[in-house]
Protein backbone atom coordinates (compact mmCIF):
# COMPACT_ATOMS: atom_id res chain seq x y z
CA MET A 1 0.00 0.00 0.00
CA ILE A 2 1.29 3.47 -0.88
CA HIS A 3 1.24 5.79 2.15
CA ARG A 4 0.36 9.40 1.70
CA PRO A 5 1.91 12.36 3.50
CA ARG A 6 -0.02 13.87 6.37
CA PRO A 7 -2.73 16.32 5.38
CA SER A 8 -2.24 20.02 5.99
CA ALA A 9 -4.37 20.01 9.18
CA THR A 10 -2.06 17.54 10.93
CA ARG A 11 1.03 19.28 9.58
CA ALA A 12 -0.27 22.59 10.94
CA LEU A 13 -0.84 21.03 14.36
CA ILE A 14 2.72 19.69 14.49
CA LEU A 15 4.14 23.02 13.41
CA GLY A 16 2.01 24.61 16.13
CA LEU A 17 3.70 22.32 18.64
CA ASP A 18 7.05 23.75 17.55
CA VAL A 19 5.92 27.27 18.36
CA LEU A 20 4.15 26.26 21.59
CA LEU A 21 7.14 24.37 22.93
CA ALA A 22 9.51 27.26 22.19
CA VAL A 23 7.19 29.82 23.84
CA LEU A 24 6.63 27.71 26.95
CA ALA A 25 10.38 27.10 27.28
CA VAL A 26 10.90 30.86 27.33
CA VAL A 27 8.10 31.25 29.90
CA ALA A 28 9.73 28.62 32.09
CA VAL A 29 13.00 30.55 32.00
CA VAL A 30 11.37 33.93 32.66
CA GLN A 31 9.31 32.61 35.58
CA ALA A 32 12.17 30.68 37.15
CA PRO A 33 12.79 31.45 40.86
CA PRO A 34 15.58 33.93 41.67
CA GLY A 35 18.99 32.40 41.30
CA ARG A 36 17.79 29.72 38.90
CA THR A 37 17.29 31.84 35.77
CA TRP A 38 20.60 31.04 34.11
CA PRO A 39 20.54 27.31 34.93
CA SER A 40 16.96 27.22 33.68
CA ALA A 41 18.00 29.01 30.49
CA ALA A 42 20.81 26.51 29.91
CA VAL A 43 18.52 23.51 30.42
CA ALA A 44 15.83 25.10 28.24
CA ALA A 45 18.41 25.63 25.50
CA VAL A 46 19.37 21.95 25.71
CA LEU A 47 15.68 20.99 25.53
CA VAL A 48 15.11 23.14 22.43
CA ALA A 49 18.30 21.86 20.80
CA VAL A 50 17.27 18.23 21.36
CA TYR A 51 13.84 19.01 19.98
CA VAL A 52 15.15 20.66 16.82
CA THR A 53 17.64 17.83 16.24
CA GLY A 54 14.96 15.20 16.67
CA ARG A 55 12.55 17.03 14.38
CA ARG A 56 15.13 16.88 11.60
CA ALA A 57 15.91 13.20 12.22
CA VAL A 58 12.41 11.85 12.84
CA ARG A 59 10.53 14.28 10.53
CA VAL A 60 7.26 13.53 12.23
CA HIS A 61 5.48 16.07 10.01
CA ASP A 62 6.07 13.82 6.97
CA ARG A 63 5.04 10.54 8.56
CA PRO A 64 1.71 9.01 7.52
CA VAL A 65 -0.46 8.17 10.50
CA ASP A 66 -0.90 4.54 9.39
CA THR A 67 2.82 3.70 9.47
CA ARG A 68 4.37 1.74 12.34
CA ARG A 69 5.73 4.08 14.97
CA GLY A 70 7.49 3.83 18.31
CA ALA A 71 10.76 2.16 17.29
CA TRP A 72 13.60 2.46 19.78
CA TRP A 73 15.69 4.47 17.33
CA PRO A 74 15.11 7.27 16.67
CA ASP A 75 11.53 7.61 17.96
CA THR A 76 11.77 6.44 21.57
CA ALA A 77 15.32 7.75 21.98
CA TRP A 78 14.18 11.23 20.95
CA VAL A 79 11.26 11.21 23.39
CA VAL A 80 13.49 10.06 26.26
CA ALA A 81 16.05 12.71 25.36
CA LEU A 82 13.30 15.35 25.59
CA VAL A 83 11.80 14.13 28.85
CA ILE A 84 15.15 14.18 30.73
CA PRO A 85 15.91 17.92 30.29
CA TRP A 86 12.21 18.70 30.83
CA VAL A 87 12.32 16.96 34.24
CA VAL A 88 15.45 18.96 35.17
CA LEU A 89 13.81 22.19 33.96
CA LEU A 90 10.68 21.30 35.93
CA TRP A 91 12.81 20.97 39.09
CA LEU A 92 14.43 24.34 38.38
CA SER A 93 11.27 26.23 37.33
CA PRO A 94 7.71 25.20 38.26
CA ALA A 95 6.45 27.03 35.15
CA ALA A 96 8.00 24.22 33.08
CA LEU A 97 4.91 22.19 34.04
CA TRP A 98 3.15 23.82 31.06
CA LEU A 99 5.62 22.08 28.75
CA ALA A 100 4.02 18.75 29.68
CA PHE A 101 1.09 19.37 27.31
CA PRO A 102 3.08 19.85 24.07
CA LEU A 103 5.34 16.98 25.13
CA MET A 104 2.28 14.72 25.50
CA LEU A 105 1.00 15.72 22.04
CA LEU A 106 4.41 15.03 20.56
CA GLU A 107 4.69 11.65 22.29
CA MET A 108 1.37 10.57 20.81
CA HIS A 109 2.44 11.61 17.34
CA VAL A 110 5.90 10.07 17.47
CA LEU A 111 5.17 6.83 19.36
CA GLY A 112 1.70 6.09 18.04
CA PRO A 113 -1.57 5.38 19.83
CA ARG A 114 -0.22 2.49 21.96
CA ARG A 115 3.28 3.39 23.09
CA GLY A 116 2.36 7.04 22.98
CA VAL A 117 -0.29 6.50 25.67
CA VAL A 118 2.32 4.81 27.87
CA ALA A 119 4.68 7.75 27.41
CA VAL A 120 1.85 10.19 28.23
CA VAL A 121 1.08 8.26 31.44
CA VAL A 122 4.76 8.43 32.48
CA THR A 123 4.91 12.17 31.72
CA THR A 124 1.71 12.73 33.68
CA ALA A 125 3.11 10.81 36.65
CA LEU A 126 6.29 12.89 36.60
CA ALA A 127 4.28 16.13 36.47
CA VAL A 128 2.01 15.03 39.34
CA ALA A 129 4.98 13.86 41.41
CA GLU A 130 6.81 17.17 40.87
CA GLY A 131 3.73 19.12 41.86
CA LEU A 132 3.07 17.13 45.00
CA LEU A 133 6.67 16.77 46.15
CA VAL A 134 8.18 20.09 45.12
CA GLN A 135 5.53 22.75 44.62
CA ALA A 136 2.75 21.76 47.04
CA GLY A 137 2.88 23.28 50.47
CA ALA A 138 1.24 22.12 53.65
CA ASP A 139 -1.83 24.26 53.04
CA ASP A 140 -2.10 23.71 49.26
CA PRO A 141 -4.82 21.28 48.07
CA TRP A 142 -3.38 18.31 46.24
CA THR A 143 -6.25 18.07 43.77
CA GLY A 144 -4.96 20.86 41.57
CA PHE A 145 -1.55 19.25 41.20
CA VAL A 146 -3.22 15.98 40.17
CA LEU A 147 -6.19 17.05 38.10
CA GLY A 148 -4.24 19.55 35.98
CA PRO A 149 -1.75 17.06 34.47
CA VAL A 150 -4.39 14.31 34.24
CA LEU A 151 -6.85 16.52 32.35
CA GLY A 152 -4.02 17.76 30.10
CA ALA A 153 -3.05 14.18 29.33
CA ALA A 154 -6.65 13.24 28.52
CA VAL A 155 -7.00 16.23 26.18
CA ALA A 156 -3.68 15.46 24.47
CA VAL A 157 -4.59 11.81 23.90
CA GLY A 158 -8.09 12.69 22.71
CA VAL A 159 -6.93 15.43 20.35
CA VAL A 160 -4.23 13.32 18.70
CA LEU A 161 -6.41 10.22 18.37
CA GLY A 162 -9.26 12.30 16.96
CA ILE A 163 -7.07 14.07 14.42
CA GLU A 164 -5.38 10.85 13.33
CA ALA A 165 -8.76 9.11 12.96
CA PHE A 166 -9.90 11.99 10.76
CA VAL A 167 -6.69 11.73 8.74
CA ARG A 168 -7.13 7.97 8.27
CA GLU A 169 -10.69 8.50 7.09
CA SER A 170 -9.50 11.15 4.64
CA GLN A 171 -6.77 8.87 3.34
CA THR A 172 -9.24 5.99 2.95
CA ARG A 173 -11.57 8.21 0.96
CA GLN A 174 -8.68 9.44 -1.17
CA ARG A 175 -7.60 5.87 -1.89
CA THR A 176 -11.17 5.04 -2.85
CA VAL A 177 -11.27 8.03 -5.18
CA ASP A 178 -7.93 7.00 -6.69
CA GLU A 179 -9.13 3.43 -7.22
CA LEU A 180 -12.35 4.66 -8.83
CA THR A 181 -10.32 6.97 -11.05
CA GLN A 182 -8.08 4.10 -12.10
CA VAL A 183 -11.10 1.89 -12.80
CA ARG A 184 -12.67 4.65 -14.86
CA GLN A 185 -9.44 5.09 -16.79
CA HIS A 186 -9.26 1.33 -17.44
CA LEU A 187 -12.89 1.30 -18.60
CA ALA A 188 -12.26 4.29 -20.85
CA GLN A 189 -9.18 2.59 -22.30
CA ALA A 190 -11.15 -0.62 -22.88
CA GLU A 191 -13.94 1.38 -24.53
CA ARG A 192 -11.41 3.14 -26.76
CA GLU A 193 -9.86 -0.18 -27.73
CA ARG A 194 -13.30 -1.63 -28.48
CA ALA A 195 -14.17 1.42 -30.57
CA VAL A 196 -10.90 1.09 -32.47
CA THR A 197 -11.60 -2.60 -33.10
CA ASP A 198 -15.12 -1.86 -34.29
CA GLU A 199 -13.88 0.93 -36.53
CA ARG A 200 -11.21 -1.32 -38.02
CA ALA A 201 -13.86 -3.95 -38.74
CA ARG A 202 -16.10 -1.33 -40.31
CA LEU A 203 -13.29 0.00 -42.48
CA ALA A 204 -12.39 -3.55 -43.49
CA ARG A 205 -15.98 -4.16 -44.57
CA ASP A 206 -16.14 -0.84 -46.42
CA ILE A 207 -12.89 -1.52 -48.26
CA HIS A 208 -14.00 -5.03 -49.16
CA ASP A 209 -17.46 -3.91 -50.28
CA THR A 210 -16.19 -0.96 -52.34
CA LEU A 211 -12.52 -0.80 -53.29
CA ALA A 212 -11.93 -4.55 -53.52
CA GLN A 213 -15.08 -5.03 -55.59
CA SER A 214 -14.25 -2.15 -57.92
CA LEU A 215 -10.67 -3.31 -58.41
CA SER A 216 -11.90 -6.80 -59.18
CA ALA A 217 -14.38 -5.39 -61.72
CA ILE A 218 -11.66 -3.24 -63.28
CA GLU A 219 -9.38 -6.26 -63.57
CA LEU A 220 -12.10 -8.30 -65.30
CA LEU A 221 -12.98 -5.43 -67.65
CA LEU A 222 -9.35 -4.87 -68.60
CA ARG A 223 -8.86 -8.59 -69.14
CA ALA A 224 -11.86 -8.64 -71.47
CA ALA A 225 -10.61 -5.51 -73.24
CA ASP A 226 -7.21 -7.12 -73.71
CA ASP A 227 -8.87 -10.13 -75.33
CA ALA A 228 -10.87 -7.83 -77.64
CA VAL A 229 -7.89 -5.73 -78.80
CA GLY A 230 -7.18 -6.44 -82.49
CA THR A 231 -10.43 -8.34 -83.04
CA ASP A 232 -13.09 -5.92 -81.81
CA ASP A 233 -11.51 -2.53 -81.10
CA ALA A 234 -14.88 -0.85 -80.48
CA ARG A 235 -15.71 -3.35 -77.76
CA ALA A 236 -12.21 -2.98 -76.30
CA ARG A 237 -12.60 0.80 -76.09
CA ASP A 238 -16.03 0.37 -74.47
CA LEU A 239 -14.58 -2.01 -71.87
CA VAL A 240 -11.68 0.36 -71.16
CA GLY A 241 -14.20 3.18 -70.69
CA GLN A 242 -16.12 1.06 -68.21
CA ALA A 243 -12.89 0.29 -66.38
CA ARG A 244 -12.06 4.00 -66.21
CA GLY A 245 -15.53 4.70 -64.80
CA ALA A 246 -15.06 2.00 -62.18
CA ALA A 247 -11.66 3.49 -61.31
CA ARG A 248 -13.22 6.92 -60.80
CA ASP A 249 -15.86 5.39 -58.56
CA SER A 250 -13.15 3.58 -56.61
CA LEU A 251 -11.30 6.87 -56.10
CA ALA A 252 -14.48 8.47 -54.79
CA GLU A 253 -15.03 5.54 -52.44
CA ALA A 254 -11.45 5.77 -51.18
CA ARG A 255 -11.93 9.43 -50.37
CA ARG A 256 -15.19 8.66 -48.59
CA VAL A 257 -13.57 5.96 -46.48
CA VAL A 258 -10.84 8.40 -45.47
CA GLN A 259 -13.29 11.19 -44.69
CA ASP A 260 -15.96 8.84 -43.26
CA LEU A 261 -18.70 10.40 -45.37
CA THR A 262 -21.92 9.00 -46.77
CA PRO A 263 -21.33 6.59 -49.70
CA PRO A 264 -21.10 8.56 -52.96
CA ASP A 265 -23.69 6.29 -54.57
CA LEU A 266 -26.23 7.62 -52.03
CA ASP A 267 -25.17 11.23 -52.38
CA ARG A 268 -28.17 13.27 -53.60
CA THR A 269 -30.00 10.18 -54.90
CA THR A 270 -32.26 7.33 -53.74
CA LEU A 271 -31.29 3.87 -52.61
CA VAL A 272 -32.87 2.30 -55.70
CA ALA A 273 -30.96 4.63 -58.00
CA ALA A 274 -27.75 3.88 -56.09
CA LEU A 275 -28.35 0.14 -56.50
CA ARG A 276 -28.85 0.61 -60.24
CA ARG A 277 -25.58 2.52 -60.48
CA VAL A 278 -23.83 -0.32 -58.67
CA ALA A 279 -25.48 -2.86 -61.00
CA GLU A 280 -24.33 -0.97 -64.10
CA ARG A 281 -20.71 -1.23 -63.01
CA GLN A 282 -20.74 -5.01 -62.79
CA PRO A 283 -19.17 -7.17 -65.56
CA LEU A 284 -22.37 -9.26 -65.72
CA ASP A 285 -26.06 -8.63 -66.27
CA VAL A 286 -27.59 -7.33 -63.00
CA ALA A 287 -31.28 -6.37 -62.81
CA VAL A 288 -32.75 -4.23 -60.01
CA HIS A 289 -36.41 -4.64 -58.95
CA THR A 290 -38.54 -3.17 -56.19
CA ALA A 291 -41.69 -4.32 -54.41
CA GLY A 292 -43.97 -2.47 -52.05
CA ASP A 293 -44.16 1.23 -51.26
CA VAL A 294 -40.78 2.68 -52.28
CA ARG A 295 -39.84 5.40 -49.80
CA PRO A 296 -36.76 6.95 -48.19
CA LEU A 297 -35.22 4.91 -45.38
CA PRO A 298 -33.02 5.93 -42.45
CA VAL A 299 -29.48 6.70 -43.60
CA PRO A 300 -27.88 3.83 -41.59
CA VAL A 301 -30.33 1.36 -43.19
CA GLU A 302 -29.76 2.66 -46.73
CA THR A 303 -25.99 2.65 -46.23
CA ALA A 304 -26.06 -0.92 -44.88
CA LEU A 305 -28.26 -2.17 -47.75
CA LEU A 306 -26.04 -0.55 -50.35
CA ARG A 307 -22.93 -2.05 -48.77
CA ILE A 308 -24.57 -5.45 -48.51
CA ALA A 309 -25.54 -5.32 -52.18
CA GLN A 310 -22.00 -4.34 -53.15
CA SER A 311 -20.54 -7.13 -51.02
CA ALA A 312 -22.97 -9.72 -52.37
CA LEU A 313 -22.31 -8.72 -55.97
CA ALA A 314 -18.58 -8.84 -55.31
CA ASN A 315 -19.03 -12.44 -54.18
CA VAL A 316 -21.04 -13.22 -57.31
CA VAL A 317 -18.40 -11.72 -59.59
CA GLN A 318 -15.43 -13.33 -57.84
CA HIS A 319 -16.76 -16.75 -56.86
CA ALA A 320 -20.08 -17.65 -58.52
CA ASP A 321 -19.06 -17.70 -62.21
CA ALA A 322 -22.56 -16.33 -62.91
CA ARG A 323 -23.97 -14.68 -66.03
CA ARG A 324 -26.91 -12.93 -64.39
CA ALA A 325 -27.93 -11.61 -61.02
CA ARG A 326 -31.02 -9.91 -59.64
CA LEU A 327 -31.42 -7.41 -56.82
CA THR A 328 -34.90 -7.10 -55.32
CA LEU A 329 -35.71 -4.50 -52.69
CA THR A 330 -38.98 -5.24 -50.86
CA TYR A 331 -40.52 -2.51 -48.70
CA GLU A 332 -42.78 -3.63 -45.84
CA ARG A 333 -44.34 -1.49 -43.14
CA ASP A 334 -41.76 -2.33 -40.45
CA THR A 335 -39.00 -4.03 -42.45
CA VAL A 336 -37.11 -3.86 -45.69
CA THR A 337 -35.65 -6.91 -47.43
CA LEU A 338 -32.87 -7.11 -50.00
CA ASP A 339 -32.70 -10.28 -52.12
CA VAL A 340 -29.62 -11.05 -54.19
CA VAL A 341 -30.08 -14.01 -56.55
CA ASP A 342 -27.55 -15.31 -59.10
CA ASP A 343 -27.44 -18.19 -61.57
CA GLY A 344 -23.91 -19.18 -60.64
CA ARG A 345 -22.42 -22.47 -59.56
CA GLY A 346 -23.48 -22.18 -55.91
CA PHE A 347 -21.84 -24.14 -53.10
CA ASP A 348 -22.63 -26.54 -50.27
CA PRO A 349 -23.34 -24.55 -47.05
CA ALA A 350 -22.84 -27.62 -44.86
CA VAL A 351 -19.35 -28.26 -46.23
CA ALA A 352 -18.46 -24.59 -46.04
CA GLY A 353 -19.75 -24.32 -42.45
CA ALA A 354 -17.76 -27.37 -41.36
CA ALA A 355 -14.67 -25.78 -42.84
CA GLY A 356 -15.27 -22.67 -40.76
CA THR A 357 -15.90 -20.38 -43.73
CA SER A 358 -18.70 -19.47 -46.04
CA GLY A 359 -16.73 -20.34 -49.14
CA ARG A 360 -17.17 -16.78 -50.26
CA GLY A 361 -14.17 -15.08 -48.59
CA PHE A 362 -14.80 -12.03 -46.40
CA GLY A 363 -18.13 -11.08 -48.05
CA LEU A 364 -20.76 -13.14 -46.22
CA PRO A 365 -19.29 -12.54 -42.73
CA SER A 366 -19.37 -8.80 -43.42
CA VAL A 367 -22.98 -9.07 -44.63
CA ARG A 368 -23.98 -10.86 -41.44
CA ALA A 369 -22.08 -8.35 -39.31
CA ARG A 370 -23.82 -5.38 -40.95
CA ALA A 371 -27.23 -6.98 -40.56
CA ARG A 372 -26.55 -7.89 -36.94
CA GLU A 373 -25.51 -4.31 -36.10
CA LEU A 374 -28.96 -3.08 -37.18
CA GLY A 375 -30.89 -5.96 -35.61
CA GLY A 376 -31.51 -7.69 -38.95
CA THR A 377 -31.42 -11.27 -40.17
CA VAL A 378 -29.66 -13.05 -43.05
CA ALA A 379 -31.01 -16.07 -44.94
CA LEU A 380 -28.94 -18.02 -47.47
CA GLU A 381 -30.17 -20.65 -49.95
CA THR A 382 -27.69 -22.38 -52.23
CA SER A 383 -26.54 -25.73 -53.51
CA PRO A 384 -23.85 -26.83 -55.96
CA GLY A 385 -24.88 -25.99 -59.53
CA ALA A 386 -28.16 -24.27 -58.54
CA GLY A 387 -27.05 -20.69 -57.90
CA THR A 388 -27.34 -18.71 -54.69
CA ALA A 389 -30.10 -16.64 -53.10
CA LEU A 390 -29.26 -14.24 -50.28
CA ALA A 391 -32.00 -12.44 -48.32
CA VAL A 392 -31.23 -9.70 -45.79
CA THR A 393 -34.07 -8.26 -43.70
CA LEU A 394 -33.58 -5.12 -41.63
CA PRO A 395 -36.11 -3.63 -39.18
CA LEU A 396 -37.21 -0.05 -39.71
CA ALA A 397 -38.36 0.47 -36.11
CA PRO A 398 -35.66 1.22 -33.46
CA VAL A 399 -34.10 -1.97 -32.12
CA GLU A 400 -32.80 -2.07 -28.56
CA GLY A 401 -29.01 -2.35 -28.58
CA ALA A 402 -28.70 -1.44 -32.23
CA PRO A 403 -26.53 1.57 -33.01
């Protein structure tokens, strides 16, 4: 456990003891009986010197209250070295009795609540004995010489124990605050790491659904153009033009990914029009159909559907070996469904699932992830040689837990 320095209240009390002890030592010298002034001054000087030396060695003002105190060296040795000249000064000057109170406070601080109480009892006994044996006359009541030191000792013990209990409570609260702060920092760091992970996954999906698809389409278009060069130059130029258009779209998508803007295909247009633009860029025949009441959808839903369509068509182009595909957008009152159907070679979902992959690279996992983020569902129907049908349904009402 890391100990903290004493709070300012305790430090101020200890510094007050410095001043009080010095003032009372002067009072003891001034009020010394005639003929004992100089001896009292010499003993008082020794007492102050021992006190200053011990304060530098023990540095009680820097000690936390919950550390172990009362060791023989230097704690107990310092207290004993203070009590001896005080007893001599008490014999020389009765006014030195007032020094018992700051000594008791100091003993409690230096020796702790257990050994300090023992030291206070010894100091009280010495003060009472000096009062009864030296100062009390035959007609003086003994109660004053007893009650004064005893009450002073009780106040000293109570004050120190009370202040140290308050300090411990303050330190406990501060440790609790520090622990809560550390926990909050750890939670914030974990949340930042989770956000970074989610953002990386989102960027990976965006890149796969846009740039990777476009680059694949460009590669297929250029390959077809290369085959047509020399035999059908008009077709080759048309394919190169399509490749250039796809490259421009890819550049726009790259800028959007960097700037985290709305997909360019949805910029100032409808979702259906954006899907048709995506379909026109594909190196195969893609038809776009709608069903139901066509209407604007929330931006997150439109963005997800566009990305899902791009990802699904990328899978068709790269893996299905299809000639045709169809996109159907069905509008219901509370849901919207996107169907992507191709006449490609299909695959066996059972075999692909046992292998731990969809057989379609990164595309289908990203489709499922996008649908799951919006509380949607994904249905897949396919078999070898029979094409593939993908249906993604997204809710239009707010879904608890969905972003």
